[in-house]
Protein backbone atom coordinates (compact mmCIF):
# COMPACT_ATOMS: atom_id res chain seq x y z
CA MET A 1 -5.68 16.09 1.38
CA THR A 2 -8.64 17.07 3.43
CA GLY A 3 -8.54 19.91 5.90
CA ILE A 4 -5.61 21.80 4.33
CA ASP A 5 -6.37 25.41 3.61
CA ALA A 6 -4.09 27.90 1.96
CA ALA A 7 -3.04 30.55 4.44
CA THR A 8 -0.68 33.43 4.72
CA PRO A 9 2.84 31.97 4.50
CA GLU A 10 5.35 32.52 7.23
CA ASN A 11 9.09 32.93 7.11
CA PRO A 12 10.25 30.11 4.75
CA SER A 13 13.23 29.22 6.95
CA ILE A 14 10.88 28.46 9.86
CA ILE A 15 8.55 26.21 7.87
CA GLY A 16 11.18 24.74 5.55
CA GLY A 17 14.14 22.85 6.96
CA ALA A 18 13.09 20.53 9.75
CA LEU A 19 9.56 20.01 8.46
CA LEU A 20 10.74 19.19 4.93
CA SER A 21 13.27 16.77 6.39
CA GLU A 22 10.58 15.04 8.42
CA LEU A 23 8.30 14.94 5.38
CA GLU A 24 11.10 13.38 3.31
CA LYS A 25 11.65 10.67 5.94
CA PHE A 26 7.92 9.87 5.91
CA ARG A 27 7.91 9.71 2.10
CA ASN A 28 10.97 7.44 2.03
CA ASP A 29 9.30 5.08 4.51
CA CYS A 30 6.13 4.99 2.40
CA GLU A 31 8.14 4.45 -0.77
CA GLY A 32 10.05 1.53 0.74
CA ARG A 33 6.82 -0.10 1.86
CA TYR A 34 5.23 0.58 -1.54
CA ARG A 35 8.09 -1.16 -3.34
CA PHE A 36 7.99 -4.15 -0.98
CA ASN A 37 4.24 -4.65 -1.37
CA SER A 38 4.26 -4.01 -5.12
CA ARG A 39 7.07 -6.51 -5.62
CA TRP A 40 5.32 -9.23 -3.61
CA ASP A 41 2.00 -8.57 -5.36
CA ASN A 42 3.75 -9.11 -8.69
CA VAL A 43 5.45 -12.28 -7.43
CA MET A 44 2.15 -13.75 -6.19
CA ASN A 45 0.34 -12.92 -9.43
CA ILE A 46 3.10 -14.38 -11.61
CA LEU A 47 3.23 -17.54 -9.47
CA GLY A 48 -0.54 -17.91 -9.79
CA LEU A 49 -0.37 -17.56 -13.56
CA LEU A 50 2.52 -20.00 -13.93
CA LEU A 51 0.82 -22.56 -11.71
CA GLY A 52 -2.42 -22.22 -13.66
CA VAL A 53 -0.66 -22.84 -16.96
CA SER A 54 1.24 -25.74 -15.39
CA ILE A 55 -2.02 -27.35 -14.25
CA VAL A 56 -3.42 -27.14 -17.77
CA ALA A 57 -0.20 -28.58 -19.21
CA ALA A 58 -0.24 -31.42 -16.67
CA GLY A 59 -3.88 -32.13 -17.48
CA ILE A 60 -3.26 -32.21 -21.21
CA THR A 61 -0.37 -34.63 -20.79
CA THR A 62 -2.47 -36.88 -18.50
CA HIS A 63 -0.39 -36.23 -15.40
CA SER A 64 -3.39 -35.99 -13.09
CA LYS A 65 -1.36 -36.46 -9.89
CA THR A 66 0.93 -33.59 -10.88
CA ALA A 67 -2.10 -31.42 -11.73
CA ALA A 68 -3.63 -32.16 -8.32
CA PHE A 69 -0.35 -31.34 -6.60
CA LEU A 70 -0.06 -28.05 -8.51
CA GLY A 71 -3.69 -27.29 -7.60
CA ALA A 72 -2.70 -27.40 -3.95
CA PHE A 73 -0.06 -24.75 -4.66
CA VAL A 74 -2.66 -22.56 -6.39
CA SER A 75 -4.84 -22.87 -3.31
CA ALA A 76 -1.89 -21.82 -1.14
CA ILE A 77 -1.17 -18.81 -3.36
CA VAL A 78 -4.82 -17.70 -3.29
CA SER A 79 -4.90 -18.08 0.51
CA ALA A 80 -1.69 -16.07 0.87
CA GLN A 81 -3.08 -13.29 -1.35
CA ARG A 82 -6.18 -13.18 0.82
CA ALA A 83 -4.20 -13.06 4.06
CA PHE A 84 -1.59 -10.59 2.78
CA PRO A 85 -3.25 -8.04 0.46
CA PHE A 86 -0.03 -6.79 -1.13
CA GLY A 87 -1.86 -5.09 -4.02
CA SER A 88 -4.14 -2.95 -1.88
CA ARG A 89 -1.28 -2.12 0.46
CA ALA A 90 0.85 -0.97 -2.48
CA GLN A 91 -2.01 1.28 -3.66
CA PHE A 92 -2.39 2.66 -0.13
CA TYR A 93 1.29 3.59 0.09
CA ARG A 94 1.24 5.01 -3.43
CA MET A 95 -1.62 7.30 -2.40
CA LEU A 96 0.33 8.43 0.68
CA ILE A 97 3.39 9.14 -1.48
CA GLY A 98 1.29 11.34 -3.78
CA GLN A 99 -0.25 13.24 -0.88
CA THR A 100 3.19 13.70 0.67
CA ASP A 101 4.55 15.05 -2.61
CA ASN A 102 1.62 17.50 -2.81
CA LEU A 103 2.28 18.69 0.73
CA HIS A 104 5.99 19.04 -0.06
CA THR A 105 5.17 21.26 -3.04
CA GLN A 106 2.82 23.42 -0.99
CA ILE A 107 5.49 23.89 1.68
CA GLN A 108 8.19 24.71 -0.88
CA GLN A 109 5.92 27.24 -2.57
CA GLN A 110 5.19 28.78 0.85
CA LEU A 111 1.45 28.30 0.50
CA LEU A 112 0.94 27.00 4.05
CA THR A 113 1.56 28.24 7.56
CA THR A 114 3.63 26.05 9.86
CA GLU A 115 0.52 25.05 11.82
CA VAL A 116 -1.36 23.96 8.69
CA ALA A 117 1.65 22.07 7.30
CA VAL A 118 2.24 20.24 10.59
CA ALA A 119 -1.47 19.39 10.81
CA ALA A 120 -1.36 17.98 7.28
CA LEU A 121 1.68 15.83 8.11
CA ASN A 122 -0.05 14.64 11.27
CA SER A 123 -3.09 13.72 9.18
CA LEU A 124 -0.92 11.70 6.79
CA ARG A 125 0.68 9.88 9.70
CA LEU A 126 -2.74 9.15 11.18
CA ASP A 127 -3.89 7.71 7.84
CA TYR A 128 -0.67 5.67 7.77
CA ALA A 129 -1.39 4.25 11.22
CA GLN A 130 -5.16 3.76 11.11
CA GLN A 131 -6.14 3.03 7.52
CA PHE A 132 -3.60 0.31 6.76
CA PRO A 133 -5.26 -2.41 4.64
CA GLN A 134 -5.59 -5.60 6.67
CA GLY A 135 -5.68 -9.15 5.38
CA ALA A 136 -8.95 -11.03 5.24
CA SER A 137 -9.83 -13.38 8.05
CA PHE A 138 -10.46 -17.05 7.44
CA LYS A 139 -13.19 -17.04 10.09
CA PRO A 140 -16.80 -16.74 8.91
CA ASP A 141 -18.59 -13.48 9.61
CA SER A 142 -20.74 -13.71 12.73
CA GLY A 143 -23.48 -11.60 11.15
CA GLN A 144 -24.24 -14.10 8.39
CA SER A 145 -26.90 -16.72 8.82
CA SER A 146 -26.33 -20.33 7.72
């Protein structure tokens, strides 16, 4: 985490209870979102693989109409993965979970003042709100020339 400096610890009861509870709520939220995105990333990847193998099987058995139909599903899966980047979102939440765990340890070991710990939690929340991976747009970039 950037901007966190070790400082003279304060009374542990002041920095501990409410702040650790708030930190745990934040971590649980991140963990729930991590699991959701990780699960859907796995589902999309498995579907893509199964459809790819199915297309090859349909092609080998001369079912060209079935292969074309399955190709449309592959296109839909690829478009969905582009619009909903589950993999990068899962990595993002995993990173936040790790940073939250590090902050939790620093608070428990009384390495931070209340002000520094609150600032670190605020920084994590700001990352959570502002650096969320967005899906790709289907519109062409305006800066590119044709």
